[in-house]
């Protein structure tokens, strides 16, 4: 081959897409979730959805998008101020919207916004027609009055969040140069357009997608998974080690469970900062363990304290329902008869003041012994009790009427400031798909696991090999302890000396029992799944006409495919 031929092939193999499109890398999609009865979330068509850009800043912009603009369908760019139920539902019910991109500000905080329902987890808690009917469906208290239910809507167009300020400015510049109205007159081609890809594989509900996945696994040579159960791990430890190889009732053990949750949820995929609703509880329980654990080792309390961090609670109590289920079928280190009582740390961010409130279950307190136990604890804490908010404790009450309290910074409705924040710094608290898809546990789960090991463990002189295989040593007991090889603190010169920590810290599965039972339409357990997809991407480009707006992306895809074949050959 001559040098000239090499140059021609090199030019040909440079990306056509790079010459035509500006690819937006820092984006986060709204994806499709499913439960026993519904699909919710967002998706694009299989080839992506395309529309002319229009920035929504005023009511007249909305009217232009929905009725008078001459170049529909539109890709709507909006600030968080316009990202509310009213605007989104008007766009959902219009055929003139191809997709939405939400610009997230630096602070990312939006007051009076919660995409959840007004009564979170209302169908999987303890209250029902047969138990505390006057409290069922939040009849006594609307716990989340700001909830607009937006996360439970099904949008047939893609909705993305824009993370990068520089790329947001590129979008605005493209809009101002080509699409902005001048003196009210319509802009002329060429126009700035956007294409969003977020086609989801699963449809209808969890029952449908799991059935189709099961059929593919049975009969297809190359089966395709359509959706996956939301799952991860709970983290737990106890002041006295429990034998992890022994399942069922633990003889001579009476435990008090101290618990909080690990997760939150948001409108956009994997973006759940959960600072007040979740992080405040995690930090408080970790601080409690740090203070109590040394004392309990010096002077053991009469009851074992079982500390638990539940994962997936925002999605119908995944983690707590799994632990209770395992206890009931004797597949956990203790059973429900070992549980004396429970104290749950809820939202304790104290944003609205310095008051804390205790919440208990008025139905179980009709039992005299339960009421006595709860009253004693209230007296110790000098706090007045209110009915239960959404809490993991409700799943334990469904199994057995045990004494229990939930500590929170609100006596009625939630007080946390709702958030839409896209930030690469803080950890995110969406449960995700856990080990079945992503391998190791969620980063937050691992973080809490290692912090617990640091707070409650003992430094050993085991080598790295011994630490990873402690069962080979007669002096170590893997039934009672887990072993962690940690990097150690940084020295003055920046080096670290790793060592092995022995601690009674464990992970246990946080996946709904519905998937173990194959009851995908269960009314008793969480049935949440996340759809799979092949491509999540966004790009903008100039289009010369309405006809080319539709044809251009397909032509580029075809050209790219042919180009790849030439380059490979």
Protein backbone atom coordinates (compact mmCIF):
# COMPACT_ATOMS: atom_id res chain seq x y z
CA UNK A 1 0.00 0.00 0.00
CA UNK A 2 1.37 3.45 -0.94
CA UNK A 3 1.75 6.33 1.50
CA UNK A 4 -1.07 8.21 -0.27
CA UNK A 5 -3.44 5.29 0.31
CA UNK A 6 -2.55 5.25 3.99
CA UNK A 7 -3.38 8.96 4.27
CA UNK A 8 -6.75 8.47 2.51
CA UNK A 9 -7.75 5.62 4.82
CA UNK A 10 -6.66 7.61 7.89
CA UNK A 11 -8.85 10.56 6.86
CA UNK A 12 -11.76 8.24 6.06
CA UNK A 13 -11.50 6.55 9.44
CA UNK A 14 -11.76 9.82 11.38
CA UNK A 15 -15.24 9.93 12.93
CA UNK A 16 -18.08 11.37 10.87
CA UNK A 17 -19.94 11.86 14.15
CA UNK A 18 -17.21 14.13 15.53
CA UNK A 19 -17.53 16.40 12.48
CA UNK A 20 -21.32 16.77 12.77
CA UNK A 21 -22.19 16.40 16.46
CA UNK A 22 -21.21 17.86 19.80
CA UNK A 23 -21.44 14.92 22.18
CA UNK A 24 -22.66 15.73 25.71
CA UNK A 25 -20.86 13.35 28.05
CA UNK A 26 -21.83 14.69 31.46
CA UNK A 27 -25.52 13.74 31.50
CA UNK A 28 -27.74 11.63 33.76
CA UNK A 29 -30.93 10.02 32.45
CA UNK A 30 -34.27 9.26 33.97
CA UNK A 31 -34.60 5.49 33.43
CA UNK A 32 -37.46 3.02 33.60
CA UNK A 33 -38.35 1.24 36.82
CA UNK A 34 -41.08 -1.35 37.15
CA UNK A 35 -43.11 -2.93 39.93
CA UNK A 36 -45.91 -5.50 40.12
CA UNK A 37 -48.43 -3.27 38.36
CA UNK A 38 -46.71 -0.39 36.55
CA UNK A 39 -43.77 0.93 34.57
CA UNK A 40 -42.51 4.38 35.54
CA UNK A 41 -39.72 6.67 34.42
CA UNK A 42 -38.61 7.69 30.93
CA UNK A 43 -37.30 6.31 27.67
CA UNK A 44 -36.52 7.26 24.07
CA UNK A 45 -37.40 5.39 20.90
CA UNK A 46 -34.98 2.62 19.89
CA UNK A 47 -33.09 4.97 17.54
CA UNK A 48 -33.12 7.94 19.92
CA UNK A 49 -35.45 10.96 19.90
CA UNK A 50 -34.59 14.17 18.04
CA UNK A 51 -36.02 17.68 18.25
CA UNK A 52 -35.23 21.36 17.77
CA UNK A 53 -33.81 22.97 20.92
CA UNK A 54 -35.92 25.48 22.80
CA UNK A 55 -35.00 26.96 26.17
CA UNK A 56 -37.93 27.22 28.57
CA UNK A 57 -37.61 30.40 30.63
CA UNK A 58 -41.11 31.95 30.58
CA UNK A 59 -44.76 30.98 30.16
CA UNK A 60 -44.63 32.28 26.59
CA UNK A 61 -41.80 29.82 25.90
CA UNK A 62 -44.04 27.02 27.14
CA UNK A 63 -46.87 28.20 24.89
CA UNK A 64 -44.42 28.29 21.96
CA UNK A 65 -43.33 24.73 22.67
CA UNK A 66 -46.81 23.32 23.18
CA UNK A 67 -48.86 25.19 20.58
CA UNK A 68 -47.48 28.01 18.43
CA UNK A 69 -43.85 27.12 17.58
CA UNK A 70 -43.49 26.10 13.88
CA UNK A 71 -40.75 23.47 14.32
CA UNK A 72 -42.03 20.71 16.59
CA UNK A 73 -41.21 18.38 18.15
CA UNK A 74 -39.00 20.33 20.55
CA UNK A 75 -36.20 19.31 22.84
CA UNK A 76 -36.92 21.41 25.90
CA UNK A 77 -34.03 22.84 27.95
CA UNK A 78 -35.09 24.08 31.38
CA UNK A 79 -33.75 25.20 34.74
CA UNK A 80 -34.91 23.39 37.88
CA UNK A 81 -37.43 26.19 38.58
CA UNK A 82 -39.60 24.87 35.73
CA UNK A 83 -39.04 21.21 36.56
CA UNK A 84 -42.31 20.60 38.38
CA UNK A 85 -45.35 18.38 37.98
CA UNK A 86 -47.54 20.95 36.27
CA UNK A 87 -45.06 21.70 33.48
CA UNK A 88 -43.96 18.08 33.03
CA UNK A 89 -47.53 16.79 32.80
CA UNK A 90 -48.44 19.40 30.20
CA UNK A 91 -45.48 18.27 28.13
CA UNK A 92 -46.30 14.60 28.70
CA UNK A 93 -49.77 15.16 27.26
CA UNK A 94 -48.43 16.97 24.20
CA UNK A 95 -47.22 15.41 20.95
CA UNK A 96 -44.92 18.41 20.38
CA UNK A 97 -42.21 17.44 22.90
CA UNK A 98 -39.37 15.10 21.87
CA UNK A 99 -37.50 15.21 25.18
CA UNK A 100 -36.40 17.31 28.15
CA UNK A 101 -32.97 18.30 29.48
CA UNK A 102 -32.85 19.81 32.98
CA UNK A 103 -30.00 22.18 33.86
CA UNK A 104 -28.89 21.54 37.43
CA UNK A 105 -27.55 24.62 39.20
CA UNK A 106 -24.44 24.61 41.39
CA UNK A 107 -26.40 24.46 44.62
CA UNK A 108 -28.78 21.96 43.09
CA UNK A 109 -31.39 22.67 45.74
CA UNK A 110 -35.03 23.11 44.82
CA UNK A 111 -37.44 24.07 47.60
CA UNK A 112 -40.90 22.55 47.70
CA UNK A 113 -40.02 19.71 45.34
CA UNK A 114 -40.30 16.00 46.04
CA UNK A 115 -40.85 13.55 43.16
CA UNK A 116 -41.99 10.85 45.60
CA UNK A 117 -45.61 10.28 46.66
CA UNK A 118 -47.26 11.99 49.61
CA UNK A 119 -47.40 8.63 51.44
CA UNK A 120 -44.12 6.74 50.82
CA UNK A 121 -44.25 2.92 50.89
CA UNK A 122 -47.94 3.03 51.77
CA UNK A 123 -48.71 -0.47 50.45
CA UNK A 124 -45.88 -2.37 52.14
CA UNK A 125 -45.89 -0.98 55.68
CA UNK A 126 -47.75 -2.41 58.65
CA UNK A 127 -50.93 -0.34 58.41
CA UNK A 128 -53.79 -1.79 56.39
CA UNK A 129 -57.52 -2.45 56.56
CA UNK A 130 -56.82 -5.24 59.04
CA UNK A 131 -54.21 -3.43 61.17
CA UNK A 132 -54.58 0.20 62.23
CA UNK A 133 -56.99 1.05 59.42
CA UNK A 134 -57.30 4.62 60.68
CA UNK A 135 -53.55 5.03 59.99
CA UNK A 136 -53.45 3.19 56.63
CA UNK A 137 -52.66 5.23 53.50
CA UNK A 138 -51.40 8.10 55.70
CA UNK A 139 -54.95 8.81 56.90
CA UNK A 140 -53.61 10.07 60.21
CA UNK A 141 -50.63 12.04 58.86
CA UNK A 142 -49.57 12.96 55.32
CA UNK A 143 -45.87 12.35 55.84
CA UNK A 144 -44.63 13.88 52.60
CA UNK A 145 -47.01 16.74 51.71
CA UNK A 146 -44.57 18.10 49.11
CA UNK A 147 -44.67 14.83 47.18
CA UNK A 148 -45.85 15.41 43.61
CA UNK A 149 -45.57 11.80 42.39
CA UNK A 150 -43.46 12.78 39.39
CA UNK A 151 -41.18 9.76 39.85
CA UNK A 152 -44.24 7.53 39.45
CA UNK A 153 -45.23 8.89 36.04
CA UNK A 154 -44.36 7.12 32.77
CA UNK A 155 -42.86 9.47 30.17
CA UNK A 156 -42.66 8.28 26.57
CA UNK A 157 -39.84 10.74 25.85
CA UNK A 158 -36.32 10.93 27.32
CA UNK A 159 -35.56 13.23 30.27
CA UNK A 160 -31.92 13.97 31.07
CA UNK A 161 -30.12 16.06 33.69
CA UNK A 162 -27.19 18.16 32.47
CA UNK A 163 -24.21 17.99 34.84
CA UNK A 164 -21.52 20.06 33.13
CA UNK A 165 -21.71 23.87 33.17
CA UNK A 166 -19.46 24.22 30.15
CA UNK A 167 -21.63 21.93 28.06
CA UNK A 168 -24.70 23.80 29.28
CA UNK A 169 -23.16 26.99 27.92
CA UNK A 170 -22.54 25.25 24.57
CA UNK A 171 -26.23 24.36 24.45
CA UNK A 172 -27.30 27.92 25.24
CA UNK A 173 -24.92 29.36 22.63
CA UNK A 174 -26.25 27.00 19.97
CA UNK A 175 -29.83 27.97 20.88
CA UNK A 176 -29.11 31.72 20.93
CA UNK A 177 -27.23 31.65 17.62
CA UNK A 178 -29.76 29.61 15.67
CA UNK A 179 -33.11 29.09 17.45
CA UNK A 180 -33.93 32.16 19.54
CA UNK A 181 -36.92 34.18 18.40
CA UNK A 182 -36.18 37.70 17.16
CA UNK A 183 -39.00 40.20 17.78
CA UNK A 184 -41.38 37.27 18.13
CA UNK A 185 -40.66 35.87 14.67
CA UNK A 186 -39.84 32.20 14.11
CA UNK A 187 -36.19 31.28 13.46
CA UNK A 188 -35.22 29.85 10.09
CA UNK A 189 -33.15 26.79 9.24
CA UNK A 190 -30.42 25.79 9.94
CA UNK A 191 -31.57 25.13 13.50
CA UNK A 192 -29.84 23.65 16.52
CA UNK A 193 -31.23 20.20 17.38
CA UNK A 194 -30.63 17.62 20.08
CA UNK A 195 -30.81 13.84 20.08
CA UNK A 196 -31.23 11.78 23.26
CA UNK A 197 -30.80 8.01 23.50
CA UNK A 198 -32.30 6.09 26.43
CA UNK A 199 -34.29 3.20 25.00
CA UNK A 200 -35.40 0.76 27.69
CA UNK A 201 -35.73 -3.01 27.14
CA UNK A 202 -38.37 -3.77 29.76
CA UNK A 203 -42.04 -2.88 29.36
CA UNK A 204 -45.37 -3.00 31.21
CA UNK A 205 -44.43 -4.23 34.71
CA UNK A 206 -42.10 -6.50 36.67
CA UNK A 207 -44.35 -9.52 36.12
CA UNK A 208 -44.01 -9.14 32.34
CA UNK A 209 -40.28 -8.40 32.17
CA UNK A 210 -39.29 -11.17 34.61
CA UNK A 211 -41.51 -13.69 32.81
CA UNK A 212 -39.95 -12.79 29.46
CA UNK A 213 -36.46 -12.98 30.96
CA UNK A 214 -37.23 -16.41 32.46
CA UNK A 215 -38.49 -17.66 29.09
CA UNK A 216 -35.34 -16.44 27.36
CA UNK A 217 -33.17 -18.17 29.96
CA UNK A 218 -35.01 -21.45 29.30
CA UNK A 219 -35.25 -21.47 25.53
CA UNK A 220 -32.76 -19.00 24.03
CA UNK A 221 -29.15 -19.82 23.16
CA UNK A 222 -28.24 -16.17 23.83
CA UNK A 223 -30.73 -15.06 26.46
CA UNK A 224 -31.25 -11.36 27.01
CA UNK A 225 -32.02 -10.03 30.47
CA UNK A 226 -34.69 -7.34 30.26
CA UNK A 227 -34.73 -6.12 33.88
CA UNK A 228 -33.05 -6.76 37.22
CA UNK A 229 -34.34 -6.62 40.80
CA UNK A 230 -33.10 -3.68 42.84
CA UNK A 231 -30.68 -5.23 45.31
CA UNK A 232 -27.57 -4.83 47.42
CA UNK A 233 -26.61 -5.74 51.01
CA UNK A 234 -27.58 -4.84 54.56
CA UNK A 235 -24.71 -4.24 57.00
CA UNK A 236 -24.92 -5.43 60.58
CA UNK A 237 -22.88 -6.06 63.69
CA UNK A 238 -23.57 -6.79 67.36
CA UNK A 239 -21.98 -6.03 70.70
CA UNK A 240 -21.59 -9.78 71.33
CA UNK A 241 -20.54 -11.74 68.22
CA UNK A 242 -23.20 -14.03 66.74
CA UNK A 243 -22.33 -17.34 65.08
CA UNK A 244 -22.84 -16.69 61.37
CA UNK A 245 -22.86 -20.40 60.49
CA UNK A 246 -25.71 -21.17 62.90
CA UNK A 247 -29.15 -20.24 61.56
CA UNK A 248 -32.47 -19.88 63.31
CA UNK A 249 -33.17 -19.29 66.99
CA UNK A 250 -30.07 -18.37 68.99
CA UNK A 251 -30.23 -19.92 72.44
CA UNK A 252 -30.06 -17.54 75.39
CA UNK A 253 -29.96 -14.46 73.15
CA UNK A 254 -32.20 -11.44 73.55
CA UNK A 255 -31.37 -8.61 71.18
CA UNK A 256 -32.32 -4.97 70.86
CA UNK A 257 -32.11 -3.83 67.24
CA UNK A 258 -30.74 -0.34 66.60
CA UNK A 259 -31.21 0.47 62.94
CA UNK A 260 -31.23 3.05 60.19
CA UNK A 261 -31.44 3.00 56.38
CA UNK A 262 -28.70 3.31 53.77
CA UNK A 263 -30.58 4.52 50.69
CA UNK A 264 -32.61 7.29 49.11
CA UNK A 265 -34.18 7.96 45.75
CA UNK A 266 -34.46 10.68 43.14
CA UNK A 267 -36.00 11.34 39.72
CA UNK A 268 -32.71 10.77 37.90
CA UNK A 269 -30.80 7.48 37.78
CA UNK A 270 -28.36 6.86 40.63
CA UNK A 271 -28.64 10.49 41.77
CA UNK A 272 -29.93 10.39 45.35
CA UNK A 273 -27.89 12.63 47.70
CA UNK A 274 -30.27 11.93 50.62
CA UNK A 275 -28.28 14.20 52.94
CA UNK A 276 -30.96 14.83 55.54
CA UNK A 277 -33.25 11.85 55.14
CA UNK A 278 -30.52 9.17 55.06
CA UNK A 279 -27.04 10.48 55.85
CA UNK A 280 -28.13 12.05 59.13
CA UNK A 281 -29.34 8.63 60.33
CA UNK A 282 -26.18 6.84 59.17
CA UNK A 283 -23.88 9.34 60.89
CA UNK A 284 -25.95 9.29 64.09
CA UNK A 285 -25.95 5.50 64.35
CA UNK A 286 -22.22 5.27 63.59
CA UNK A 287 -21.53 7.89 66.27
CA UNK A 288 -23.69 5.94 68.70
CA UNK A 289 -21.74 2.76 67.97
CA UNK A 290 -18.44 4.60 68.44
CA UNK A 291 -19.59 5.81 71.86
CA UNK A 292 -21.33 2.64 73.07
CA UNK A 293 -19.16 -0.17 71.76
CA UNK A 294 -16.14 0.28 74.10
CA UNK A 295 -18.51 0.55 77.07
CA UNK A 296 -20.38 -2.64 76.13
CA UNK A 297 -17.09 -4.54 75.95
CA UNK A 298 -16.10 -3.40 79.44
CA UNK A 299 -19.56 -3.89 80.97
CA UNK A 300 -21.73 -6.09 78.70
CA UNK A 301 -25.43 -5.11 78.81
CA UNK A 302 -28.02 -7.77 79.65
CA UNK A 303 -29.23 -7.77 76.02
CA UNK A 304 -27.13 -7.97 72.90
CA UNK A 305 -27.35 -4.80 70.82
CA UNK A 306 -27.77 -5.62 67.14
CA UNK A 307 -26.84 -2.66 64.90
CA UNK A 308 -28.26 -2.83 61.38
CA UNK A 309 -28.09 -0.62 58.31
CA UNK A 310 -30.88 -1.50 55.87
CA UNK A 311 -30.50 -1.06 52.11
CA UNK A 312 -33.37 -0.42 49.66
CA UNK A 313 -35.85 0.99 52.18
CA UNK A 314 -36.96 3.76 49.81
CA UNK A 315 -38.33 1.07 47.50
CA UNK A 316 -40.87 -0.67 49.74
CA UNK A 317 -38.47 -1.77 52.49
CA UNK A 318 -36.27 -4.17 50.50
CA UNK A 319 -33.55 -4.68 53.14
CA UNK A 320 -35.69 -4.91 56.27
CA UNK A 321 -38.28 -7.19 54.64
CA UNK A 322 -35.50 -9.55 53.52
CA UNK A 323 -34.00 -9.72 57.02
CA UNK A 324 -37.41 -10.38 58.60
CA UNK A 325 -38.17 -13.00 55.94
CA UNK A 326 -34.87 -14.78 56.63
CA UNK A 327 -35.55 -14.67 60.38
CA UNK A 328 -38.99 -16.21 59.88
CA UNK A 329 -37.66 -19.11 57.79
CA UNK A 330 -34.69 -19.75 60.11
CA UNK A 331 -32.11 -18.59 57.60
CA UNK A 332 -30.52 -15.84 59.70
CA UNK A 333 -28.29 -15.75 62.79
CA UNK A 334 -31.30 -14.96 64.98
CA UNK A 335 -35.06 -15.27 64.59
CA UNK A 336 -37.95 -12.98 65.51
CA UNK A 337 -38.26 -14.61 68.94
CA UNK A 338 -34.74 -13.38 69.72
CA UNK A 339 -35.82 -9.78 69.06
CA UNK A 340 -36.82 -8.00 72.25
CA UNK A 341 -37.34 -4.50 70.85
CA UNK A 342 -36.19 -2.02 68.22
CA UNK A 343 -34.97 1.56 68.07
CA UNK A 344 -34.76 3.11 64.61
CA UNK A 345 -32.90 6.30 63.76
CA UNK A 346 -34.91 8.13 61.11
CA UNK A 347 -34.35 11.60 59.74
CA UNK A 348 -32.47 13.50 62.43
CA UNK A 349 -30.90 16.38 60.50
CA UNK A 350 -32.58 18.93 62.82
CA UNK A 351 -32.97 21.39 59.96
CA UNK A 352 -36.09 22.99 61.38
CA UNK A 353 -34.96 23.24 64.98
CA UNK A 354 -33.50 21.26 67.84
CA UNK A 355 -36.50 19.10 68.71
CA UNK A 356 -36.51 15.33 68.35
CA UNK A 357 -39.66 13.24 68.37
CA UNK A 358 -40.33 9.62 69.25
CA UNK A 359 -42.79 7.66 67.14
CA UNK A 360 -44.38 4.39 68.24
CA UNK A 361 -47.16 2.10 67.05
CA UNK A 362 -50.46 2.75 68.84
CA UNK A 363 -51.90 -0.60 67.73
CA UNK A 364 -49.21 -2.82 69.29
CA UNK A 365 -49.26 -0.60 72.39
CA UNK A 366 -52.75 -1.87 73.13
CA UNK A 367 -50.84 -4.87 74.48
CA UNK A 368 -49.99 -3.98 78.09
CA UNK A 369 -46.47 -5.44 78.13
CA UNK A 370 -45.55 -3.67 74.86
CA UNK A 371 -46.95 -0.39 76.15
CA UNK A 372 -45.00 -0.72 79.38
CA UNK A 373 -41.70 -1.30 77.54
CA UNK A 374 -42.29 1.61 75.15
CA UNK A 375 -43.36 3.95 77.98
CA UNK A 376 -40.19 3.16 79.91
CA UNK A 377 -38.02 4.03 76.93
CA UNK A 378 -39.96 7.24 76.34
CA UNK A 379 -39.44 8.15 79.97
CA UNK A 380 -35.68 7.60 79.72
CA UNK A 381 -35.49 9.85 76.68
CA UNK A 382 -38.02 12.43 77.97
CA UNK A 383 -39.74 12.45 74.60
CA UNK A 384 -43.39 12.23 73.65
CA UNK A 385 -44.55 9.54 71.24
CA UNK A 386 -46.39 10.01 67.92
CA UNK A 387 -47.66 7.42 65.38
CA UNK A 388 -45.14 5.72 63.11
CA UNK A 389 -43.84 7.43 59.96
CA UNK A 390 -42.63 5.26 57.04
CA UNK A 391 -39.92 3.15 58.71
CA UNK A 392 -38.17 -0.23 58.68
CA UNK A 393 -39.73 -0.94 62.07
CA UNK A 394 -43.06 -1.39 60.29
CA UNK A 395 -41.76 -4.53 58.54
CA UNK A 396 -40.81 -6.06 61.90
CA UNK A 397 -44.26 -5.24 63.28
CA UNK A 398 -45.84 -7.12 60.39
CA UNK A 399 -44.08 -10.25 61.69
CA UNK A 400 -44.45 -9.73 65.44
CA UNK A 401 -45.75 -7.03 67.75
CA UNK A 402 -42.52 -6.02 69.44
CA UNK A 403 -41.87 -2.82 71.39
CA UNK A 404 -40.17 -0.17 69.32
CA UNK A 405 -39.53 3.51 68.71
CA UNK A 406 -38.52 5.61 65.72
CA UNK A 407 -36.48 8.74 66.45
CA UNK A 408 -36.96 11.67 64.04
CA UNK A 409 -36.73 15.47 63.86
CA UNK A 410 -40.38 15.83 62.85
CA UNK A 411 -43.59 15.09 64.71
CA UNK A 412 -45.84 15.08 61.63
CA UNK A 413 -44.71 15.67 58.03
CA UNK A 414 -41.10 15.43 56.83
CA UNK A 415 -39.07 18.62 57.24
CA UNK A 416 -36.12 17.94 54.93
CA UNK A 417 -35.46 20.26 52.04
CA UNK A 418 -36.09 18.43 48.77
CA UNK A 419 -33.10 18.21 46.48
CA UNK A 420 -32.12 17.81 42.87
CA UNK A 421 -28.35 17.71 42.86
CA UNK A 422 -25.94 16.26 40.34
CA UNK A 423 -22.48 16.27 41.95
CA UNK A 424 -19.49 13.97 41.32
CA UNK A 425 -18.23 14.52 44.86
CA UNK A 426 -20.65 13.18 47.51
CA UNK A 427 -21.69 9.51 47.40
CA UNK A 428 -25.12 8.67 45.96
CA UNK A 429 -27.64 6.56 47.83
CA UNK A 430 -29.73 4.86 45.13
CA UNK A 431 -29.69 1.11 45.89
CA UNK A 432 -28.90 0.07 42.30
CA UNK A 433 -28.65 -3.52 41.08
CA UNK A 434 -26.06 -4.86 43.48
CA UNK A 435 -23.86 -7.92 42.99
CA UNK A 436 -25.97 -9.63 40.30
CA UNK A 437 -25.01 -6.93 37.79
CA UNK A 438 -22.26 -4.72 39.20
CA UNK A 439 -20.28 -7.23 41.28
CA UNK A 440 -19.30 -5.81 44.71
CA UNK A 441 -21.65 -4.11 47.12
CA UNK A 442 -22.70 -0.47 46.67
CA UNK A 443 -19.95 2.01 47.57
CA UNK A 444 -21.97 3.39 50.49
CA UNK A 445 -22.58 -0.14 51.78
CA UNK A 446 -18.86 -0.90 51.64
CA UNK A 447 -18.04 2.42 53.25
CA UNK A 448 -20.33 1.68 56.22
CA UNK A 449 -19.01 -1.88 56.46
CA UNK A 450 -15.39 -0.71 56.76
CA UNK A 451 -16.23 2.15 59.12
CA UNK A 452 -18.01 -0.36 61.37
CA UNK A 453 -15.00 -2.67 61.24
CA UNK A 454 -12.77 0.25 62.23
CA UNK A 455 -15.05 1.25 65.12
CA UNK A 456 -15.67 -2.23 66.53
CA UNK A 457 -12.76 -4.37 65.33
CA UNK A 458 -9.43 -5.44 66.71
CA UNK A 459 -6.10 -5.05 64.91
CA UNK A 460 -4.37 -8.41 64.49
CA UNK A 461 -0.85 -9.43 63.49
CA UNK A 462 -2.10 -11.67 60.65
CA UNK A 463 -0.39 -11.45 57.28
CA UNK A 464 -2.37 -10.52 54.18
CA UNK A 465 -2.62 -14.17 53.16
CA UNK A 466 -3.77 -15.22 56.63
CA UNK A 467 -6.26 -12.35 56.75
CA UNK A 468 -7.83 -13.51 53.50
CA UNK A 469 -7.92 -17.18 54.63
CA UNK A 470 -8.47 -17.11 58.43
CA UNK A 471 -10.24 -20.49 58.47
CA UNK A 472 -6.85 -22.13 57.91
CA UNK A 473 -5.72 -20.90 61.34
CA UNK A 474 -6.85 -22.71 64.49
CA UNK A 475 -6.56 -19.47 66.48
CA UNK A 476 -9.15 -17.63 64.38
CA UNK A 477 -12.92 -18.09 64.18
CA UNK A 478 -14.54 -17.16 60.88
CA UNK A 479 -17.99 -18.13 62.22
CA UNK A 480 -17.86 -15.28 64.72
CA UNK A 481 -15.74 -12.72 62.87
CA UNK A 482 -15.01 -11.21 59.47
CA UNK A 483 -11.47 -10.19 58.52
CA UNK A 484 -10.52 -7.02 56.68
CA UNK A 485 -7.16 -6.18 55.11
CA UNK A 486 -6.97 -2.39 55.32
CA UNK A 487 -4.41 0.09 54.06
CA UNK A 488 -3.89 1.87 57.37
CA UNK A 489 -3.40 5.60 58.04
CA UNK A 490 -0.99 7.65 55.96
CA UNK A 491 2.36 8.33 57.59
CA UNK A 492 4.27 11.62 57.47
CA UNK A 493 5.97 10.65 54.20
CA UNK A 494 2.66 9.52 52.67
CA UNK A 495 3.22 5.75 52.86
CA UNK A 496 0.70 3.38 54.45
CA UNK A 497 1.26 0.25 56.52
CA UNK A 498 -1.57 -2.22 55.84
CA UNK A 499 -2.86 -4.55 58.55
CA UNK A 500 -5.64 -7.03 59.30
CA UNK A 501 -8.73 -6.13 61.35
CA UNK A 502 -10.96 -8.73 63.03
CA UNK A 503 -14.59 -7.60 63.55
CA UNK A 504 -18.07 -9.07 63.92
CA UNK A 505 -19.33 -7.03 60.95
CA UNK A 506 -21.38 -8.83 58.32
CA UNK A 507 -23.20 -8.26 55.04
CA UNK A 508 -26.54 -9.91 54.37
CA UNK A 509 -28.54 -9.83 51.16
CA UNK A 510 -30.91 -6.95 50.56
CA UNK A 511 -33.13 -8.27 47.78
CA UNK A 512 -36.89 -8.59 47.97
CA UNK A 513 -38.21 -12.04 48.97
CA UNK A 514 -40.61 -11.71 46.02
CA UNK A 515 -37.77 -12.70 43.67
CA UNK A 516 -36.75 -15.70 45.77
CA UNK A 517 -40.38 -16.82 45.87
CA UNK A 518 -40.85 -16.01 42.14
CA UNK A 519 -43.89 -13.95 43.17
CA UNK A 520 -43.31 -11.06 40.80
CA UNK A 521 -46.81 -9.69 41.38
CA UNK A 522 -46.49 -9.85 45.19
CA UNK A 523 -48.58 -7.52 47.33
CA UNK A 524 -46.55 -8.32 50.45
CA UNK A 525 -43.03 -7.53 49.24
CA UNK A 526 -41.20 -5.01 47.08
CA UNK A 527 -41.28 -5.90 43.38
CA UNK A 528 -39.10 -3.07 42.04
CA UNK A 529 -36.87 -3.79 39.05
CA UNK A 530 -34.75 -1.59 36.80
CA UNK A 531 -34.93 -1.95 33.04
CA UNK A 532 -31.80 -2.74 31.08
CA UNK A 533 -30.65 -0.63 28.14
CA UNK A 534 -27.87 -0.58 25.56
CA UNK A 535 -27.06 3.09 25.13
CA UNK A 536 -27.41 6.27 27.17
CA UNK A 537 -26.09 9.30 25.29
CA UNK A 538 -26.86 12.84 24.19
CA UNK A 539 -25.64 15.06 21.35
CA UNK A 540 -26.47 18.30 19.54
CA UNK A 541 -26.10 19.25 15.87
CA UNK A 542 -27.23 21.74 13.23
CA UNK A 543 -29.97 20.60 10.88
CA UNK A 544 -30.71 22.23 7.51
CA UNK A 545 -34.37 21.24 7.17
CA UNK A 546 -37.21 19.38 8.84
CA UNK A 547 -36.62 16.41 6.52
CA UNK A 548 -32.93 16.23 7.41
CA UNK A 549 -33.75 16.54 11.11
CA UNK A 550 -35.39 13.13 10.87
CA UNK A 551 -32.99 11.56 8.34
CA UNK A 552 -29.61 12.97 9.38
CA UNK A 553 -29.02 10.86 12.52
CA UNK A 554 -29.92 7.66 10.67
CA UNK A 555 -27.64 8.57 7.76
CA UNK A 556 -24.76 9.29 10.12
CA UNK A 557 -25.29 5.96 11.91
CA UNK A 558 -25.22 4.17 8.54
CA UNK A 559 -22.08 6.04 7.48
CA UNK A 560 -20.38 5.27 10.79
CA UNK A 561 -21.18 1.56 10.41
CA UNK A 562 -19.78 1.42 6.88
CA UNK A 563 -16.75 3.44 8.01
CA UNK A 564 -16.00 0.97 10.81
CA UNK A 565 -16.16 -1.93 8.37
CA UNK A 566 -13.69 -0.17 6.05
CA UNK A 567 -11.35 0.67 8.93
CA UNK A 568 -11.44 -2.91 10.25
CA UNK A 569 -10.81 -4.44 6.85
